[in-house]
Amino acid sequence: MGAKSEDQSPVVGRKRHYTDPMGSRAPELERCLIRHRALQMVLILYYAEELKRDVINGVAAQLRWRGHSATLSAGGEGPSQDGKKQKRAFDHLVRDGVLTDDERKHMVSLIGRRNSIAHHLDQVTADLTTERTVREWLDYYPDRQTHDYEALDQLRAARTLLSVRMAAHHYVLEVDMRGMFFEGAERVLSADLKALERRIRALVRQRRGDIARLNAELSLEGSELTGLFDPRWPENRYGTRQRLTPRGVETCYLLYDMGKSALAVAHLMDLSLTVARRRARLWKAAGGPNRERQPLADIPKARIRYRLED
C-alpha cells in the first residue's frame, strides 16, 4: 500500500527511497490488477489476430470474386509475408473507400498491440511490480511498452466497423469456424473480467481510505520524535539491517505509545511489516503504554559498524 512513497527526509536532507513494508508481497489489489490485465491480454491477442485475418482474407476473397488475377501474396510464407499481405490489403481497402487513411493507421496500431504483448510481456506488466528496484528503472527504461486498457474495446469496435464497411461496399464475407471455436472461452474470460473489475473498484475505494488514514498516522507533529530523535535517524538501527539499536527500540515503543499502527511504524522507521508487528508484540509484553519508559537522550549510543558496499 503506497503512502508517501517518496518524501524529503528530515534526517539526511535528501530524497529517500520508499521501503515496502509488505516485503514485496503483492496486496490483493495488485494481484487482481495482474489477473485482470492477463485476461485482457489474452483477448487482445485473439482480437488483434482476427482483425488482421479479417482484413487479409476479406480483400483476398473480394479479389477472387471480382476475377482479379492480382493477389496479396508475393510468394513464400512466414511473418514477413504476412506483413506484406496486411499492408497490401489495407492499401486496397483505402483505395476502395472502405477505410479512411486515419482508420487504417488506427487499425494497424491496434494489430501492433499483439506484438507488444507477445514480445514484451515483461514490460507491459512491470508497472504492477512491488520490487522497488524495478519501479525505479521504469522511469528511465527507453521505449518501454505499456499496457493499453482501451485496446480490447477498440479492437472489438474495429472488427465491427470493418464488417459493416465491407458489407456496405458489397464485399464477399467468408464464414469460418474460428469464432465458434473461441466463443466459449471468450464468454468465460469476459465474465471473469467483469467480476474482477467490480472487485478492483471496491479495492481501490478501500485503498484510498487506507492511505488517508495511514497518512494521518504518519504525522509526528507535536511529539518528541523530531530532529535528532526522528524515527529514521541512522542511530536507531544497525546499518541498513532491520535490527534496531536500544534507542531504536525505545523509539519504536514510543510510536506504539502514541497509538500508531504496525503499518505506520513500518513506514516511519523503514521496517518491514513483519518486524514492526514483532516489535508490537514485544511492546505489549513489556507492559504496553504502562511500561517503564527511558528518556531517549539518556540511552547511550550503540556502536554501529557500517559496511561499504559497491
C-alpha atoms as a PDB file:
ATOM      1  CA  MET A   1       0.000   0.000   0.000  1.00  0.00           C
ATOM      2  CA  GLY A   2       1.532   3.280  -1.065  1.00  0.00           C
ATOM      3  CA  ALA A   3       1.560   6.080   1.454  1.00  0.00           C
ATOM      4  CA  LYS A   4       4.030   8.874   0.787  1.00  0.00           C
ATOM      5  CA  SER A   5       6.202   6.660  -1.369  1.00  0.00           C
ATOM      6  CA  GLU A   6       8.864   9.321  -1.503  1.00  0.00           C
ATOM      7  CA  ASP A   7       9.398  12.378   0.647  1.00  0.00           C
ATOM      8  CA  GLN A   8      12.107  14.774   1.683  1.00  0.00           C
ATOM      9  CA  SER A   9      13.806  13.079   4.591  1.00  0.00           C
ATOM     10  CA  PRO A  10      14.430  15.345   7.600  1.00  0.00           C
ATOM     11  CA  VAL A  11      17.245  13.023   8.585  1.00  0.00           C
ATOM     12  CA  VAL A  12      19.656  13.017   5.692  1.00  0.00           C
ATOM     13  CA  GLY A  13      18.394  16.048   3.757  1.00  0.00           C
ATOM     14  CA  ARG A  14      17.762  14.174   0.507  1.00  0.00           C
ATOM     15  CA  LYS A  15      15.009  12.259  -1.179  1.00  0.00           C
ATOM     16  CA  ARG A  16      14.630   8.884   0.479  1.00  0.00           C
ATOM     17  CA  HIS A  17      13.616   5.625  -1.122  1.00  0.00           C
ATOM     18  CA  TYR A  18      10.288   4.130  -0.201  1.00  0.00           C
ATOM     19  CA  THR A  19      10.610   0.905   1.766  1.00  0.00           C
ATOM     20  CA  ASP A  20       7.878  -1.610   1.064  1.00  0.00           C
ATOM     21  CA  PRO A  21       6.523  -2.763   4.450  1.00  0.00           C
ATOM     22  CA  MET A  22       4.811  -5.721   2.774  1.00  0.00           C
ATOM     23  CA  GLY A  23       8.177  -7.242   1.940  1.00  0.00           C
ATOM     24  CA  SER A  24       7.411  -7.168  -1.806  1.00  0.00           C
ATOM     25  CA  ARG A  25       4.327  -9.382  -1.362  1.00  0.00           C
ATOM     26  CA  ALA A  26       1.682  -8.067  -3.712  1.00  0.00           C
ATOM     27  CA  PRO A  27      -1.504  -6.932  -1.894  1.00  0.00           C
ATOM     28  CA  GLU A  28      -4.893  -8.107  -3.158  1.00  0.00           C
ATOM     29  CA  LEU A  29      -5.444  -5.020  -5.325  1.00  0.00           C
ATOM     30  CA  GLU A  30      -2.230  -5.586  -7.258  1.00  0.00           C
ATOM     31  CA  ARG A  31      -2.955  -9.310  -7.603  1.00  0.00           C
ATOM     32  CA  CYS A  32      -6.405  -8.539  -9.047  1.00  0.00           C
ATOM     33  CA  LEU A  33      -4.904  -5.998 -11.440  1.00  0.00           C
ATOM     34  CA  ILE A  34      -2.381  -8.551 -12.682  1.00  0.00           C
ATOM     35  CA  ARG A  35      -5.096 -11.149 -13.284  1.00  0.00           C
ATOM     36  CA  HIS A  36      -7.323  -8.558 -14.982  1.00  0.00           C
ATOM     37  CA  ARG A  37      -4.502  -7.453 -17.259  1.00  0.00           C
ATOM     38  CA  ALA A  38      -3.587 -11.052 -18.097  1.00  0.00           C
ATOM     39  CA  LEU A  39      -7.167 -11.827 -19.171  1.00  0.00           C
ATOM     40  CA  GLN A  40      -7.288  -8.661 -21.249  1.00  0.00           C
ATOM     41  CA  MET A  41      -4.031  -9.542 -22.961  1.00  0.00           C
ATOM     42  CA  VAL A  42      -5.318 -12.983 -23.945  1.00  0.00           C
ATOM     43  CA  LEU A  43      -8.362 -11.391 -25.581  1.00  0.00           C
ATOM     44  CA  ILE A  44      -6.241  -8.671 -27.216  1.00  0.00           C
ATOM     45  CA  LEU A  45      -4.026 -11.344 -28.773  1.00  0.00           C
ATOM     46  CA  TYR A  46      -7.100 -13.086 -30.173  1.00  0.00           C
ATOM     47  CA  TYR A  47      -8.852  -9.970 -31.498  1.00  0.00           C
ATOM     48  CA  ALA A  48      -5.694  -8.465 -32.994  1.00  0.00           C
ATOM     49  CA  GLU A  49      -5.027 -11.664 -34.918  1.00  0.00           C
ATOM     50  CA  GLU A  50      -8.668 -11.866 -36.016  1.00  0.00           C
ATOM     51  CA  LEU A  51      -8.671  -8.253 -37.206  1.00  0.00           C
ATOM     52  CA  LYS A  52      -5.604  -8.965 -39.308  1.00  0.00           C
ATOM     53  CA  ARG A  53      -7.268 -12.077 -40.756  1.00  0.00           C
ATOM     54  CA  ASP A  54     -10.457 -10.122 -41.445  1.00  0.00           C
ATOM     55  CA  VAL A  55      -8.511  -7.583 -43.464  1.00  0.00           C
ATOM     56  CA  ILE A  56      -6.340 -10.029 -45.421  1.00  0.00           C
ATOM     57  CA  ASN A  57      -8.975 -12.703 -46.047  1.00  0.00           C
ATOM     58  CA  GLY A  58     -11.693 -10.174 -46.814  1.00  0.00           C
ATOM     59  CA  VAL A  59      -9.657  -8.428 -49.505  1.00  0.00           C
ATOM     60  CA  ALA A  60      -8.379 -11.745 -50.920  1.00  0.00           C
ATOM     61  CA  ALA A  61     -11.939 -13.078 -51.222  1.00  0.00           C
ATOM     62  CA  GLN A  62     -13.091  -9.875 -52.917  1.00  0.00           C
ATOM     63  CA  LEU A  63     -10.256 -10.035 -55.444  1.00  0.00           C
ATOM     64  CA  ARG A  64     -11.171 -13.615 -56.300  1.00  0.00           C
ATOM     65  CA  TRP A  65     -14.877 -12.710 -56.564  1.00  0.00           C
ATOM     66  CA  ARG A  66     -14.143  -9.862 -58.942  1.00  0.00           C
ATOM     67  CA  GLY A  67     -11.970 -12.125 -61.060  1.00  0.00           C
ATOM     68  CA  HIS A  68      -8.766 -10.173 -60.479  1.00  0.00           C
ATOM     69  CA  SER A  69      -5.599 -12.016 -61.295  1.00  0.00           C
ATOM     70  CA  ALA A  70      -3.663  -9.964 -58.723  1.00  0.00           C
ATOM     71  CA  THR A  71      -3.169 -11.498 -55.269  1.00  0.00           C
ATOM     72  CA  LEU A  72      -1.923 -10.227 -51.929  1.00  0.00           C
ATOM     73  CA  SER A  73       0.918 -12.741 -51.779  1.00  0.00           C
ATOM     74  CA  ALA A  74       4.320 -12.095 -53.295  1.00  0.00           C
ATOM     75  CA  GLY A  75       5.309 -15.723 -52.853  1.00  0.00           C
ATOM     76  CA  GLY A  76       6.624 -17.548 -49.830  1.00  0.00           C
ATOM     77  CA  GLU A  77       5.299 -17.853 -46.300  1.00  0.00           C
ATOM     78  CA  GLY A  78       6.195 -16.519 -42.861  1.00  0.00           C
ATOM     79  CA  PRO A  79       5.767 -13.398 -40.737  1.00  0.00           C
ATOM     80  CA  SER A  80       7.388 -11.107 -43.299  1.00  0.00           C
ATOM     81  CA  GLN A  81       4.929 -12.252 -45.966  1.00  0.00           C
ATOM     82  CA  ASP A  82       2.010 -11.749 -43.564  1.00  0.00           C
ATOM     83  CA  GLY A  83       3.182  -8.188 -43.009  1.00  0.00           C
ATOM     84  CA  LYS A  84       3.305  -7.538 -46.745  1.00  0.00           C
ATOM     85  CA  LYS A  85      -0.136  -9.078 -47.237  1.00  0.00           C
ATOM     86  CA  GLN A  86      -1.524  -6.921 -44.451  1.00  0.00           C
ATOM     87  CA  LYS A  87      -0.065  -3.748 -45.976  1.00  0.00           C
ATOM     88  CA  ARG A  88      -1.394  -4.557 -49.456  1.00  0.00           C
ATOM     89  CA  ALA A  89      -4.825  -5.429 -48.050  1.00  0.00           C
ATOM     90  CA  PHE A  90      -5.079  -2.166 -46.098  1.00  0.00           C
ATOM     91  CA  ASP A  91      -3.905  -0.210 -49.148  1.00  0.00           C
ATOM     92  CA  HIS A  92      -6.661  -1.867 -51.182  1.00  0.00           C
ATOM     93  CA  LEU A  93      -9.310  -1.023 -48.566  1.00  0.00           C
ATOM     94  CA  VAL A  94      -8.268   2.644 -48.559  1.00  0.00           C
ATOM     95  CA  ARG A  95      -8.268   2.837 -52.364  1.00  0.00           C
ATOM     96  CA  ASP A  96     -11.672   1.157 -52.451  1.00  0.00           C
ATOM     97  CA  GLY A  97     -13.107   3.675 -49.976  1.00  0.00           C
ATOM     98  CA  VAL A  98     -13.803   1.063 -47.304  1.00  0.00           C
ATOM     99  CA  LEU A  99     -11.488   2.770 -44.797  1.00  0.00           C
ATOM    100  CA  THR A 100     -10.015   6.223 -44.458  1.00  0.00           C
ATOM    101  CA  ASP A 101      -6.275   6.613 -44.080  1.00  0.00           C
ATOM    102  CA  ASP A 102      -6.681   7.538 -40.394  1.00  0.00           C
ATOM    103  CA  GLU A 103      -8.819   4.442 -39.796  1.00  0.00           C
ATOM    104  CA  ARG A 104      -6.171   2.308 -41.488  1.00  0.00           C
ATOM    105  CA  LYS A 105      -3.438   3.755 -39.265  1.00  0.00           C
ATOM    106  CA  HIS A 106      -5.549   3.163 -36.163  1.00  0.00           C
ATOM    107  CA  MET A 107      -6.222  -0.477 -37.075  1.00  0.00           C
ATOM    108  CA  VAL A 108      -2.568  -1.112 -37.888  1.00  0.00           C
ATOM    109  CA  SER A 109      -1.670   0.313 -34.477  1.00  0.00           C
ATOM    110  CA  LEU A 110      -4.225  -1.942 -32.777  1.00  0.00           C
ATOM    111  CA  ILE A 111      -2.872  -5.011 -34.543  1.00  0.00           C
ATOM    112  CA  GLY A 112       0.579  -3.963 -33.368  1.00  0.00           C
ATOM    113  CA  ARG A 113      -0.587  -4.363 -29.738  1.00  0.00           C
ATOM    114  CA  ARG A 114      -0.288  -8.105 -30.364  1.00  0.00           C
ATOM    115  CA  ASN A 115       3.473  -7.783 -30.852  1.00  0.00           C
ATOM    116  CA  SER A 116       3.821  -5.521 -27.819  1.00  0.00           C
ATOM    117  CA  ILE A 117       2.306  -8.252 -25.664  1.00  0.00           C
ATOM    118  CA  ALA A 118       3.904 -11.257 -27.352  1.00  0.00           C
ATOM    119  CA  HIS A 119       7.437  -9.833 -27.472  1.00  0.00           C
ATOM    120  CA  HIS A 120       7.432  -7.563 -24.406  1.00  0.00           C
ATOM    121  CA  LEU A 121       5.283  -9.312 -21.824  1.00  0.00           C
ATOM    122  CA  ASP A 122       7.780  -8.350 -19.133  1.00  0.00           C
ATOM    123  CA  GLN A 123       7.457  -4.660 -19.937  1.00  0.00           C
ATOM    124  CA  VAL A 124       3.669  -4.434 -20.126  1.00  0.00           C
ATOM    125  CA  THR A 125       3.355  -5.930 -16.631  1.00  0.00           C
ATOM    126  CA  ALA A 126       6.383  -4.299 -14.973  1.00  0.00           C
ATOM    127  CA  ASP A 127       4.458  -1.338 -13.538  1.00  0.00           C
ATOM    128  CA  LEU A 128       2.472  -3.676 -11.264  1.00  0.00           C
ATOM    129  CA  THR A 129       5.576  -4.985  -9.507  1.00  0.00           C
ATOM    130  CA  THR A 130       6.223  -4.427  -5.813  1.00  0.00           C
ATOM    131  CA  GLU A 131      10.007  -4.535  -6.337  1.00  0.00           C
ATOM    132  CA  ARG A 132      11.487  -1.137  -5.587  1.00  0.00           C
ATOM    133  CA  THR A 133      14.442  -1.521  -7.973  1.00  0.00           C
ATOM    134  CA  VAL A 134      12.159  -2.325 -10.908  1.00  0.00           C
ATOM    135  CA  ARG A 135       9.914   0.666 -10.185  1.00  0.00           C
ATOM    136  CA  GLU A 136      12.959   2.950 -10.176  1.00  0.00           C
ATOM    137  CA  TRP A 137      14.177   1.579 -13.505  1.00  0.00           C
ATOM    138  CA  LEU A 138      10.825   2.054 -15.258  1.00  0.00           C
ATOM    139  CA  ASP A 139      11.154   5.846 -15.359  1.00  0.00           C
ATOM    140  CA  TYR A 140      14.379   5.566 -17.334  1.00  0.00           C
ATOM    141  CA  TYR A 141      13.674   2.490 -19.478  1.00  0.00           C
ATOM    142  CA  PRO A 142      13.867   3.541 -23.160  1.00  0.00           C
ATOM    143  CA  ASP A 143      10.802   2.931 -25.366  1.00  0.00           C
ATOM    144  CA  ARG A 144       9.079   0.791 -22.741  1.00  0.00           C
ATOM    145  CA  GLN A 145       5.917  -0.959 -23.914  1.00  0.00           C
ATOM    146  CA  THR A 146       2.888  -0.303 -21.704  1.00  0.00           C
ATOM    147  CA  HIS A 147      -0.492  -1.941 -21.375  1.00  0.00           C
ATOM    148  CA  ASP A 148      -3.404  -0.217 -23.109  1.00  0.00           C
ATOM    149  CA  TYR A 149      -6.627  -0.835 -21.196  1.00  0.00           C
ATOM    150  CA  GLU A 150      -8.690   0.554 -24.091  1.00  0.00           C
ATOM    151  CA  ALA A 151      -7.146  -1.681 -26.762  1.00  0.00           C
ATOM    152  CA  LEU A 152      -9.586  -4.569 -26.235  1.00  0.00           C
ATOM    153  CA  ASP A 153     -12.715  -2.441 -26.698  1.00  0.00           C
ATOM    154  CA  GLN A 154     -11.104  -0.646 -29.640  1.00  0.00           C
ATOM    155  CA  LEU A 155     -10.249  -3.952 -31.335  1.00  0.00           C
ATOM    156  CA  ARG A 156     -13.813  -5.175 -30.955  1.00  0.00           C
ATOM    157  CA  ALA A 157     -15.111  -1.890 -32.356  1.00  0.00           C
ATOM    158  CA  ALA A 158     -12.614  -2.027 -35.249  1.00  0.00           C
ATOM    159  CA  ARG A 159     -13.784  -5.501 -36.287  1.00  0.00           C
ATOM    160  CA  THR A 160     -17.412  -4.367 -36.196  1.00  0.00           C
ATOM    161  CA  LEU A 161     -16.612  -1.238 -38.235  1.00  0.00           C
ATOM    162  CA  LEU A 162     -14.674  -3.260 -40.815  1.00  0.00           C
ATOM    163  CA  SER A 163     -17.515  -5.767 -41.191  1.00  0.00           C
ATOM    164  CA  VAL A 164     -20.121  -3.004 -41.651  1.00  0.00           C
ATOM    165  CA  ARG A 165     -17.980  -1.113 -44.166  1.00  0.00           C
ATOM    166  CA  MET A 166     -17.173  -4.242 -46.186  1.00  0.00           C
ATOM    167  CA  ALA A 167     -20.870  -5.153 -46.339  1.00  0.00           C
ATOM    168  CA  ALA A 168     -21.747  -1.606 -47.436  1.00  0.00           C
ATOM    169  CA  HIS A 169     -19.214  -1.881 -50.274  1.00  0.00           C
ATOM    170  CA  HIS A 170     -20.588  -5.286 -51.323  1.00  0.00           C
ATOM    171  CA  TYR A 171     -17.564  -7.277 -50.188  1.00  0.00           C
ATOM    172  CA  VAL A 172     -17.776 -11.033 -50.037  1.00  0.00           C
ATOM    173  CA  LEU A 173     -17.876 -12.125 -46.410  1.00  0.00           C
ATOM    174  CA  GLU A 174     -16.357 -15.536 -45.774  1.00  0.00           C
ATOM    175  CA  VAL A 175     -17.685 -17.726 -42.980  1.00  0.00           C
ATOM    176  CA  ASP A 176     -15.250 -19.814 -40.915  1.00  0.00           C
ATOM    177  CA  MET A 177     -15.329 -21.737 -37.649  1.00  0.00           C
ATOM    178  CA  ARG A 178     -12.659 -19.749 -35.787  1.00  0.00           C
ATOM    179  CA  GLY A 179     -15.136 -17.534 -33.975  1.00  0.00           C
ATOM    180  CA  MET A 180     -17.188 -20.533 -32.865  1.00  0.00           C
ATOM    181  CA  PHE A 181     -14.080 -22.332 -31.621  1.00  0.00           C
ATOM    182  CA  PHE A 182     -13.202 -19.443 -29.284  1.00  0.00           C
ATOM    183  CA  GLU A 183     -16.731 -18.384 -28.348  1.00  0.00           C
ATOM    184  CA  GLY A 184     -16.944 -20.484 -25.171  1.00  0.00           C
ATOM    185  CA  ALA A 185     -13.555 -19.345 -23.893  1.00  0.00           C
ATOM    186  CA  GLU A 186     -14.370 -15.727 -24.690  1.00  0.00           C
ATOM    187  CA  ARG A 187     -17.572 -15.840 -22.634  1.00  0.00           C
ATOM    188  CA  VAL A 188     -15.696 -17.167 -19.621  1.00  0.00           C
ATOM    189  CA  LEU A 189     -12.845 -14.664 -19.943  1.00  0.00           C
ATOM    190  CA  SER A 190     -15.235 -11.739 -20.411  1.00  0.00           C
ATOM    191  CA  ALA A 191     -17.287 -12.759 -17.366  1.00  0.00           C
ATOM    192  CA  ASP A 192     -14.129 -13.039 -15.258  1.00  0.00           C
ATOM    193  CA  LEU A 193     -13.039  -9.586 -16.449  1.00  0.00           C
ATOM    194  CA  LYS A 194     -16.307  -8.032 -15.307  1.00  0.00           C
ATOM    195  CA  ALA A 195     -16.094  -9.756 -11.926  1.00  0.00           C
ATOM    196  CA  LEU A 196     -12.510  -8.561 -11.467  1.00  0.00           C
ATOM    197  CA  GLU A 197     -13.473  -5.003 -12.441  1.00  0.00           C
ATOM    198  CA  ARG A 198     -16.118  -4.939  -9.719  1.00  0.00           C
ATOM    199  CA  ARG A 199     -13.629  -6.273  -7.179  1.00  0.00           C
ATOM    200  CA  ILE A 200     -10.941  -3.810  -8.272  1.00  0.00           C
ATOM    201  CA  ARG A 201     -13.292  -0.828  -7.897  1.00  0.00           C
ATOM    202  CA  ALA A 202     -14.095  -1.930  -4.341  1.00  0.00           C
ATOM    203  CA  LEU A 203     -10.397  -2.452  -3.542  1.00  0.00           C
ATOM    204  CA  VAL A 204      -9.478   0.970  -4.945  1.00  0.00           C
ATOM    205  CA  ARG A 205     -12.046   2.641  -2.681  1.00  0.00           C
ATOM    206  CA  GLN A 206     -10.659   0.670   0.252  1.00  0.00           C
ATOM    207  CA  ARG A 207      -7.071   1.570  -0.688  1.00  0.00           C
ATOM    208  CA  ARG A 208      -7.868   5.271  -0.830  1.00  0.00           C
ATOM    209  CA  GLY A 209      -9.407   5.135   2.636  1.00  0.00           C
ATOM    210  CA  ASP A 210      -6.461   3.158   3.988  1.00  0.00           C
ATOM    211  CA  ILE A 211      -3.976   5.641   2.529  1.00  0.00           C
ATOM    212  CA  ALA A 212      -5.843   8.603   4.009  1.00  0.00           C
ATOM    213  CA  ARG A 213      -5.866   7.004   7.452  1.00  0.00           C
ATOM    214  CA  LEU A 214      -2.222   5.957   7.193  1.00  0.00           C
ATOM    215  CA  ASN A 215      -1.033   9.378   6.046  1.00  0.00           C
ATOM    216  CA  ALA A 216      -2.798  10.897   9.061  1.00  0.00           C
ATOM    217  CA  GLU A 217      -0.911   8.439  11.302  1.00  0.00           C
ATOM    218  CA  LEU A 218       2.442   9.369   9.801  1.00  0.00           C
ATOM    219  CA  SER A 219       2.330  12.841  11.298  1.00  0.00           C
ATOM    220  CA  LEU A 220       4.689  13.311  14.267  1.00  0.00           C
ATOM    221  CA  GLU A 221       3.881  16.976  14.786  1.00  0.00           C
ATOM    222  CA  GLY A 222       3.945  17.982  18.444  1.00  0.00           C
ATOM    223  CA  SER A 223       5.795  14.855  19.563  1.00  0.00           C
ATOM    224  CA  GLU A 224       9.356  14.429  20.796  1.00  0.00           C
ATOM    225  CA  LEU A 225      10.226  12.243  17.791  1.00  0.00           C
ATOM    226  CA  THR A 226      11.604  15.013  15.598  1.00  0.00           C
ATOM    227  CA  GLY A 227      15.052  16.260  14.686  1.00  0.00           C
ATOM    228  CA  LEU A 228      17.741  14.104  16.295  1.00  0.00           C
ATOM    229  CA  PHE A 229      15.071  11.745  17.600  1.00  0.00           C
ATOM    230  CA  ASP A 230      13.361  11.197  14.258  1.00  0.00           C
ATOM    231  CA  PRO A 231      12.356   7.523  13.847  1.00  0.00           C
ATOM    232  CA  ARG A 232      14.523   7.318  10.714  1.00  0.00           C
ATOM    233  CA  TRP A 233      17.631   8.657  12.412  1.00  0.00           C
ATOM    234  CA  PRO A 234      20.578   6.385  11.437  1.00  0.00           C
ATOM    235  CA  GLU A 235      21.461   5.662  15.084  1.00  0.00           C
ATOM    236  CA  ASN A 236      18.142   3.856  15.540  1.00  0.00           C
ATOM    237  CA  ARG A 237      19.284   0.770  13.655  1.00  0.00           C
ATOM    238  CA  TYR A 238      22.413  -1.178  12.909  1.00  0.00           C
ATOM    239  CA  GLY A 239      23.291  -0.039   9.410  1.00  0.00           C
ATOM    240  CA  THR A 240      20.721  -0.955   6.766  1.00  0.00           C
ATOM    241  CA  ARG A 241      19.507  -4.032   8.638  1.00  0.00           C
ATOM    242  CA  GLN A 242      16.128  -4.463  10.322  1.00  0.00           C
ATOM    243  CA  ARG A 243      17.792  -4.867  13.730  1.00  0.00           C
ATOM    244  CA  LEU A 244      17.144  -1.865  15.994  1.00  0.00           C
ATOM    245  CA  THR A 245      19.592  -0.317  18.441  1.00  0.00           C
ATOM    246  CA  PRO A 246      18.449   0.255  22.064  1.00  0.00           C
ATOM    247  CA  ARG A 247      17.455   3.800  21.133  1.00  0.00           C
ATOM    248  CA  GLY A 248      15.662   2.482  18.053  1.00  0.00           C
ATOM    249  CA  VAL A 249      13.718   0.008  20.184  1.00  0.00           C
ATOM    250  CA  GLU A 250      12.613   2.757  22.565  1.00  0.00           C
ATOM    251  CA  THR A 251      11.677   4.976  19.603  1.00  0.00           C
ATOM    252  CA  CYS A 252       9.598   2.159  18.188  1.00  0.00           C
ATOM    253  CA  TYR A 253       7.872   1.655  21.541  1.00  0.00           C
ATOM    254  CA  LEU A 254       7.160   5.393  21.806  1.00  0.00           C
ATOM    255  CA  LEU A 255       5.362   5.214  18.475  1.00  0.00           C
ATOM    256  CA  TYR A 256       3.171   2.423  19.827  1.00  0.00           C
ATOM    257  CA  ASP A 257       2.605   4.500  22.975  1.00  0.00           C
ATOM    258  CA  MET A 258       1.218   7.188  20.663  1.00  0.00           C
ATOM    259  CA  GLY A 259      -1.291   4.711  19.254  1.00  0.00           C
ATOM    260  CA  LYS A 260       0.402   4.186  15.897  1.00  0.00           C
ATOM    261  CA  SER A 261      -0.464   1.045  13.945  1.00  0.00           C
ATOM    262  CA  ALA A 262       2.153  -1.522  12.945  1.00  0.00           C
ATOM    263  CA  LEU A 263       1.903  -0.379   9.308  1.00  0.00           C
ATOM    264  CA  ALA A 264       2.509   3.253  10.307  1.00  0.00           C
ATOM    265  CA  VAL A 265       5.500   2.210  12.425  1.00  0.00           C
ATOM    266  CA  ALA A 266       6.864   0.217   9.473  1.00  0.00           C
ATOM    267  CA  HIS A 267       6.677   3.313   7.261  1.00  0.00           C
ATOM    268  CA  LEU A 268       8.041   5.697   9.875  1.00  0.00           C
ATOM    269  CA  MET A 269      11.037   3.524  10.776  1.00  0.00           C
ATOM    270  CA  ASP A 270      11.687   1.914   7.365  1.00  0.00           C
ATOM    271  CA  LEU A 271      10.918  -1.550   8.724  1.00  0.00           C
ATOM    272  CA  SER A 272       9.146  -4.481   7.190  1.00  0.00           C
ATOM    273  CA  LEU A 273       5.613  -5.056   8.408  1.00  0.00           C
ATOM    274  CA  THR A 274       6.695  -8.398   9.885  1.00  0.00           C
ATOM    275  CA  VAL A 275       9.382  -6.729  12.039  1.00  0.00           C
ATOM    276  CA  ALA A 276       7.000  -3.931  13.077  1.00  0.00           C
ATOM    277  CA  ARG A 277       4.398  -6.467  14.206  1.00  0.00           C
ATOM    278  CA  ARG A 278       7.017  -8.415  16.151  1.00  0.00           C
ATOM    279  CA  ARG A 279       8.052  -5.216  17.911  1.00  0.00           C
ATOM    280  CA  ALA A 280       4.385  -4.553  18.726  1.00  0.00           C
ATOM    281  CA  ARG A 281       4.177  -7.925  20.478  1.00  0.00           C
ATOM    282  CA  LEU A 282       7.364  -7.181  22.433  1.00  0.00           C
ATOM    283  CA  TRP A 283       5.964  -3.752  23.364  1.00  0.00           C
ATOM    284  CA  LYS A 284       2.815  -5.372  24.755  1.00  0.00           C
ATOM    285  CA  ALA A 285       4.894  -7.942  26.651  1.00  0.00           C
ATOM    286  CA  ALA A 286       6.879  -5.092  28.217  1.00  0.00           C
ATOM    287  CA  GLY A 287       3.652  -3.558  29.567  1.00  0.00           C
ATOM    288  CA  GLY A 288       2.426  -1.612  26.569  1.00  0.00           C
ATOM    289  CA  PRO A 289       1.603   2.029  27.411  1.00  0.00           C
ATOM    290  CA  ASN A 290       2.181   1.249  31.117  1.00  0.00           C
ATOM    291  CA  ARG A 291       5.771   0.099  30.628  1.00  0.00           C
ATOM    292  CA  GLU A 292       8.695   1.936  32.183  1.00  0.00           C
ATOM    293  CA  ARG A 293       9.935   4.492  29.664  1.00  0.00           C
ATOM    294  CA  GLN A 294      13.511   5.566  29.050  1.00  0.00           C
ATOM    295  CA  PRO A 295      14.348   9.139  28.011  1.00  0.00           C
ATOM    296  CA  LEU A 296      15.852   8.951  24.528  1.00  0.00           C
ATOM    297  CA  ALA A 297      18.608  11.400  25.420  1.00  0.00           C
ATOM    298  CA  ASP A 298      19.774   9.112  28.262  1.00  0.00           C
ATOM    299  CA  ILE A 299      20.147   5.985  26.114  1.00  0.00           C
ATOM    300  CA  PRO A 300      23.824   5.501  25.222  1.00  0.00           C
ATOM    301  CA  LYS A 301      24.708   5.348  21.561  1.00  0.00           C
ATOM    302  CA  ALA A 302      25.238   1.889  20.157  1.00  0.00           C
ATOM    303  CA  ARG A 303      28.392   1.004  18.302  1.00  0.00           C
ATOM    304  CA  ILE A 304      27.411   0.642  14.658  1.00  0.00           C
ATOM    305  CA  ARG A 305      29.759  -0.878  12.108  1.00  0.00           C
ATOM    306  CA  TYR A 306      28.899   0.411   8.659  1.00  0.00           C
ATOM    307  CA  ARG A 307      29.598  -1.769   5.640  1.00  0.00           C
ATOM    308  CA  LEU A 308      30.749  -0.190   2.426  1.00  0.00           C
ATOM    309  CA  GLU A 309      29.072  -1.934  -0.492  1.00  0.00           C
ATOM    310  CA  ASP A 310      29.787  -1.311  -4.144  1.00  0.00           C
END
